[in-house]
């Protein structure tokens, strides 16, 4: 995956019950019913590529094979919280897959639990669809931020991961507001009110375009 150097290859199967301490009975059942296999595919760290990082100490690559085509965001959160290092997930079902990764930080009072700041993810893609890459240069912070920027509207190399996350959160809020107004418009029966809502929608869409351009 990502044509990484042989030095990064781990290719180790992780038992699903490794996360039992972080799951309840229902979540354990979900792991069993939905996940076929979890493979720790690669490890990107000072040990494997001789590059260090300040905020990002290691980047792990996990490949998860599913029993059926489902979004498993809830299970990825469990794995992410259990492992302090940044993880890039490739979730596979037959000839399709999607990629997900979460910016996170260690819990201030519990070193065994990570806090998710923001999740970047793709839609389902066919195996021959590519486009995401890991550029192994500079430092681990830069490598991970550069990878996350491939999901984002903002591709400005001058911003750091925290700024990238904040920009994406703000953009998500604007998109959410736009969807709310669109729903209101579809339900609105009053002509004058509908005109007013359409004007609001236009302003919001302009705001979104401007925000993307400025950031």
Foldseek 3Di string as FASTA:
>chain_A
DQPDDPLFFDFAWDDLCVLVVLDDPVVSVVCVQWWDTKTFGTKAACRRPVFADDQAHIETEIETETPDDDDPVVVVQSVPQQDQHWYWYWYDYDQKTKIKTFDWHADPVDNRTIGTLDMFMDDIDGNPDDDQHFDPDDHPQLRVQCRSCSRALANDSPDGNVVRSVLVVVLVVLVVVLVVLVVVLVPDDDPVVNVVSVVVNVVSVVVSVVSSVVD
